[in-house]
Amino acid sequence: MVREHIERGLPLLVLLDEAHSRIPLLRQELRAAPCRLLESLIDGTGSDELLDDEVVEVRLPFLDWLPDAHRDRAARFLEDSDAALSRTPVALLPPLLTEERQDGLPPSPRFARRILPNALTAGRLAAAVEHLFVEGAQYCAAAGRGSEADR
């Protein structure tokens, strides 16, 4: 579905948190992980070393499902938004910080960061997507609209 959205230029908003997320996994969960993921998680460390601990902290690959050009854009957006976040008080930030649309770039995907997650209901996010992708509003409407109270 994501690949189809990218290939057809359909609206796709990717919400980002951090470029290098670390998550705790139980040893059993790590053993059950797909081989492709395990190979990317073991950076020169033997898998036996990793499996010695009961809980292992792993770093997930950054947006490995996106084509390189989009992944590079996402990394730049994260870097730029980190700079903006570091110099602006939280009270003055919008609930959703979005990548600016630029000439020469495809309209989709676009990247955003949730600054105030609790303020963003599903209906409010759907309305944000419609606004960000004006020409793609008919696709977003199919995703469902929340109640008027969500907006």
C-alpha atoms as a PDB file:
ATOM      1  CA  MET A   1       0.000   0.000   0.000  1.00  0.00           C
ATOM      2  CA  VAL A   2       2.824   2.453   0.847  1.00  0.00           C
ATOM      3  CA  ARG A   3       4.705   1.616  -2.344  1.00  0.00           C
ATOM      4  CA  GLU A   4       1.508   2.153  -4.363  1.00  0.00           C
ATOM      5  CA  HIS A   5       0.980   5.556  -2.749  1.00  0.00           C
ATOM      6  CA  ILE A   6       4.539   6.593  -3.609  1.00  0.00           C
ATOM      7  CA  GLU A   7       4.454   5.246  -7.176  1.00  0.00           C
ATOM      8  CA  ARG A   8       1.074   6.806  -7.969  1.00  0.00           C
ATOM      9  CA  GLY A   9       1.818  10.060  -6.149  1.00  0.00           C
ATOM     10  CA  LEU A  10      -1.111   9.560  -3.778  1.00  0.00           C
ATOM     11  CA  PRO A  11      -1.123  11.518  -0.511  1.00  0.00           C
ATOM     12  CA  LEU A  12       1.219  10.000   2.057  1.00  0.00           C
ATOM     13  CA  LEU A  13       2.120  11.775   5.281  1.00  0.00           C
ATOM     14  CA  VAL A  14       4.928  10.105   7.217  1.00  0.00           C
ATOM     15  CA  LEU A  15       4.986  10.998  10.912  1.00  0.00           C
ATOM     16  CA  LEU A  16       8.515  10.929  12.284  1.00  0.00           C
ATOM     17  CA  ASP A  17       9.816  10.795  15.822  1.00  0.00           C
ATOM     18  CA  GLU A  18      13.539  10.162  15.709  1.00  0.00           C
ATOM     19  CA  ALA A  19      16.045   8.963  13.161  1.00  0.00           C
ATOM     20  CA  HIS A  20      17.590   6.383  15.445  1.00  0.00           C
ATOM     21  CA  SER A  21      14.967   4.768  17.600  1.00  0.00           C
ATOM     22  CA  ARG A  22      16.157   2.258  20.134  1.00  0.00           C
ATOM     23  CA  ILE A  23      13.671  -0.251  21.438  1.00  0.00           C
ATOM     24  CA  PRO A  24      14.000  -2.907  24.124  1.00  0.00           C
ATOM     25  CA  LEU A  25      13.348  -6.508  23.075  1.00  0.00           C
ATOM     26  CA  LEU A  26      13.217  -9.662  25.100  1.00  0.00           C
ATOM     27  CA  ARG A  27      15.704 -12.319  24.081  1.00  0.00           C
ATOM     28  CA  GLN A  28      12.860 -14.511  22.786  1.00  0.00           C
ATOM     29  CA  GLU A  29      11.530 -11.646  20.639  1.00  0.00           C
ATOM     30  CA  LEU A  30      14.949 -11.056  19.129  1.00  0.00           C
ATOM     31  CA  ARG A  31      15.354 -14.740  18.293  1.00  0.00           C
ATOM     32  CA  ALA A  32      11.991 -14.640  16.493  1.00  0.00           C
ATOM     33  CA  ALA A  33      12.908 -11.578  14.406  1.00  0.00           C
ATOM     34  CA  PRO A  34      13.234 -12.004  10.627  1.00  0.00           C
ATOM     35  CA  CYS A  35      16.783 -12.728   9.417  1.00  0.00           C
ATOM     36  CA  ARG A  36      16.909  -9.515   7.369  1.00  0.00           C
ATOM     37  CA  LEU A  37      16.204  -7.482  10.500  1.00  0.00           C
ATOM     38  CA  LEU A  38      18.684  -9.441  12.593  1.00  0.00           C
ATOM     39  CA  GLU A  39      21.466  -8.837  10.058  1.00  0.00           C
ATOM     40  CA  SER A  40      20.867  -5.091  10.166  1.00  0.00           C
ATOM     41  CA  LEU A  41      20.761  -5.057  13.976  1.00  0.00           C
ATOM     42  CA  ILE A  42      24.013  -6.901  14.529  1.00  0.00           C
ATOM     43  CA  ASP A  43      26.662  -4.304  13.713  1.00  0.00           C
ATOM     44  CA  GLY A  44      29.774  -6.398  14.116  1.00  0.00           C
ATOM     45  CA  THR A  45      28.462  -7.905  17.347  1.00  0.00           C
ATOM     46  CA  GLY A  46      28.095 -11.656  17.442  1.00  0.00           C
ATOM     47  CA  SER A  47      24.496 -12.778  17.761  1.00  0.00           C
ATOM     48  CA  ASP A  48      25.471 -14.961  20.733  1.00  0.00           C
ATOM     49  CA  GLU A  49      26.700 -11.837  22.539  1.00  0.00           C
ATOM     50  CA  LEU A  50      23.377 -10.121  21.929  1.00  0.00           C
ATOM     51  CA  LEU A  51      21.400 -13.092  23.156  1.00  0.00           C
ATOM     52  CA  ASP A  52      23.284 -13.329  26.466  1.00  0.00           C
ATOM     53  CA  ASP A  53      21.144 -10.590  28.022  1.00  0.00           C
ATOM     54  CA  GLU A  54      17.491 -11.059  28.952  1.00  0.00           C
ATOM     55  CA  VAL A  55      16.559  -7.659  27.463  1.00  0.00           C
ATOM     56  CA  VAL A  56      18.408  -6.314  24.451  1.00  0.00           C
ATOM     57  CA  GLU A  57      18.169  -2.756  23.162  1.00  0.00           C
ATOM     58  CA  VAL A  58      18.205  -2.605  19.362  1.00  0.00           C
ATOM     59  CA  ARG A  59      18.256   0.226  16.865  1.00  0.00           C
ATOM     60  CA  LEU A  60      15.744  -0.103  14.056  1.00  0.00           C
ATOM     61  CA  PRO A  61      16.772   0.808  10.507  1.00  0.00           C
ATOM     62  CA  PHE A  62      15.650   4.341   9.615  1.00  0.00           C
ATOM     63  CA  LEU A  63      12.754   4.243   7.150  1.00  0.00           C
ATOM     64  CA  ASP A  64      14.274   1.344   5.240  1.00  0.00           C
ATOM     65  CA  TRP A  65      10.960   0.881   3.423  1.00  0.00           C
ATOM     66  CA  LEU A  66      11.317   4.253   1.661  1.00  0.00           C
ATOM     67  CA  PRO A  67      13.367   4.828  -1.499  1.00  0.00           C
ATOM     68  CA  ASP A  68      16.749   6.470  -0.763  1.00  0.00           C
ATOM     69  CA  ALA A  69      15.803   9.935  -2.063  1.00  0.00           C
ATOM     70  CA  HIS A  70      12.775  10.109   0.239  1.00  0.00           C
ATOM     71  CA  ARG A  71      14.756   8.697   3.164  1.00  0.00           C
ATOM     72  CA  ASP A  72      17.415  11.383   2.661  1.00  0.00           C
ATOM     73  CA  ARG A  73      14.698  14.061   2.605  1.00  0.00           C
ATOM     74  CA  ALA A  74      13.214  12.661   5.809  1.00  0.00           C
ATOM     75  CA  ALA A  75      16.627  12.770   7.503  1.00  0.00           C
ATOM     76  CA  ARG A  76      17.102  16.412   6.401  1.00  0.00           C
ATOM     77  CA  PHE A  77      13.633  17.290   7.676  1.00  0.00           C
ATOM     78  CA  LEU A  78      14.412  15.681  11.039  1.00  0.00           C
ATOM     79  CA  GLU A  79      17.681  17.601  11.277  1.00  0.00           C
ATOM     80  CA  ASP A  80      16.017  20.901  10.345  1.00  0.00           C
ATOM     81  CA  SER A  81      13.083  20.333  12.686  1.00  0.00           C
ATOM     82  CA  ASP A  82      15.450  19.418  15.542  1.00  0.00           C
ATOM     83  CA  ALA A  83      17.121  22.797  15.045  1.00  0.00           C
ATOM     84  CA  ALA A  84      13.736  24.575  15.045  1.00  0.00           C
ATOM     85  CA  LEU A  85      12.612  22.668  18.137  1.00  0.00           C
ATOM     86  CA  SER A  86      15.800  23.533  20.014  1.00  0.00           C
ATOM     87  CA  ARG A  87      15.312  27.291  19.562  1.00  0.00           C
ATOM     88  CA  THR A  88      11.511  27.543  20.026  1.00  0.00           C
ATOM     89  CA  PRO A  89       9.642  27.142  23.326  1.00  0.00           C
ATOM     90  CA  VAL A  90       7.197  24.212  23.212  1.00  0.00           C
ATOM     91  CA  ALA A  91       4.268  26.522  24.025  1.00  0.00           C
ATOM     92  CA  LEU A  92       4.880  28.344  20.725  1.00  0.00           C
ATOM     93  CA  LEU A  93       5.050  25.239  18.545  1.00  0.00           C
ATOM     94  CA  PRO A  94       2.173  23.894  16.451  1.00  0.00           C
ATOM     95  CA  PRO A  95       0.806  20.421  17.297  1.00  0.00           C
ATOM     96  CA  LEU A  96       2.145  19.194  13.931  1.00  0.00           C
ATOM     97  CA  LEU A  97       5.387  20.442  12.394  1.00  0.00           C
ATOM     98  CA  THR A  98       5.359  19.724   8.655  1.00  0.00           C
ATOM     99  CA  GLU A  99       7.890  19.680   5.861  1.00  0.00           C
ATOM    100  CA  GLU A 100       7.501  22.679   3.578  1.00  0.00           C
ATOM    101  CA  ARG A 101       6.481  21.927   0.024  1.00  0.00           C
ATOM    102  CA  GLN A 102       9.300  22.700  -2.406  1.00  0.00           C
ATOM    103  CA  ASP A 103       9.424  23.146  -6.167  1.00  0.00           C
ATOM    104  CA  GLY A 104      11.026  20.210  -7.929  1.00  0.00           C
ATOM    105  CA  LEU A 105      10.074  17.710  -5.214  1.00  0.00           C
ATOM    106  CA  PRO A 106       7.234  15.245  -5.603  1.00  0.00           C
ATOM    107  CA  PRO A 107       4.133  16.251  -3.611  1.00  0.00           C
ATOM    108  CA  SER A 108       4.121  12.912  -1.826  1.00  0.00           C
ATOM    109  CA  PRO A 109       5.352  11.691   0.567  1.00  0.00           C
ATOM    110  CA  ARG A 110       5.572  14.603   2.976  1.00  0.00           C
ATOM    111  CA  PHE A 111       7.100  14.389   6.414  1.00  0.00           C
ATOM    112  CA  ALA A 112       5.854  15.718   9.739  1.00  0.00           C
ATOM    113  CA  ARG A 113       6.558  15.528  13.462  1.00  0.00           C
ATOM    114  CA  ARG A 114       3.876  15.362  16.121  1.00  0.00           C
ATOM    115  CA  ILE A 115       4.812  17.931  18.724  1.00  0.00           C
ATOM    116  CA  LEU A 116       1.663  17.550  20.834  1.00  0.00           C
ATOM    117  CA  PRO A 117       0.471  13.974  20.134  1.00  0.00           C
ATOM    118  CA  ASN A 118      -2.583  14.149  22.400  1.00  0.00           C
ATOM    119  CA  ALA A 119      -3.928  17.116  20.428  1.00  0.00           C
ATOM    120  CA  LEU A 120      -3.985  15.118  17.196  1.00  0.00           C
ATOM    121  CA  THR A 121      -6.985  12.835  16.949  1.00  0.00           C
ATOM    122  CA  ALA A 122      -7.477  10.667  13.867  1.00  0.00           C
ATOM    123  CA  GLY A 123      -9.987  13.171  12.504  1.00  0.00           C
ATOM    124  CA  ARG A 124      -7.600  16.073  12.979  1.00  0.00           C
ATOM    125  CA  LEU A 125      -4.790  14.178  11.262  1.00  0.00           C
ATOM    126  CA  ALA A 126      -7.094  13.311   8.349  1.00  0.00           C
ATOM    127  CA  ALA A 127      -8.017  17.001   8.032  1.00  0.00           C
ATOM    128  CA  ALA A 128      -4.301  17.916   8.098  1.00  0.00           C
ATOM    129  CA  VAL A 129      -3.599  15.436   5.288  1.00  0.00           C
ATOM    130  CA  GLU A 130      -6.437  16.902   3.220  1.00  0.00           C
ATOM    131  CA  HIS A 131      -5.024  20.370   3.757  1.00  0.00           C
ATOM    132  CA  LEU A 132      -1.434  19.370   2.953  1.00  0.00           C
ATOM    133  CA  PHE A 133      -2.448  17.475  -0.179  1.00  0.00           C
ATOM    134  CA  VAL A 134      -5.145  19.743  -1.608  1.00  0.00           C
ATOM    135  CA  GLU A 135      -5.242  17.964  -4.962  1.00  0.00           C
ATOM    136  CA  GLY A 136      -5.456  14.594  -3.174  1.00  0.00           C
ATOM    137  CA  ALA A 137      -8.364  15.426  -0.878  1.00  0.00           C
ATOM    138  CA  GLN A 138     -10.694  12.917  -2.534  1.00  0.00           C
ATOM    139  CA  TYR A 139      -8.360  10.057  -1.491  1.00  0.00           C
ATOM    140  CA  CYS A 140      -8.189  11.247   2.101  1.00  0.00           C
ATOM    141  CA  ALA A 141     -11.955  11.444   2.423  1.00  0.00           C
ATOM    142  CA  ALA A 142     -12.100   7.679   1.900  1.00  0.00           C
ATOM    143  CA  ALA A 143      -9.901   7.216   4.968  1.00  0.00           C
ATOM    144  CA  GLY A 144     -12.829   8.316   7.060  1.00  0.00           C
ATOM    145  CA  ARG A 145     -13.684  11.494   8.830  1.00  0.00           C
ATOM    146  CA  GLY A 146     -13.939  11.881  12.546  1.00  0.00           C
ATOM    147  CA  SER A 147     -16.772  13.683  14.211  1.00  0.00           C
ATOM    148  CA  GLU A 148     -16.896  17.449  14.068  1.00  0.00           C
ATOM    149  CA  ALA A 149     -15.646  17.427  17.688  1.00  0.00           C
ATOM    150  CA  ASP A 150     -12.352  15.915  16.443  1.00  0.00           C
ATOM    151  CA  ARG A 151     -11.623  18.941  14.260  1.00  0.00           C
END
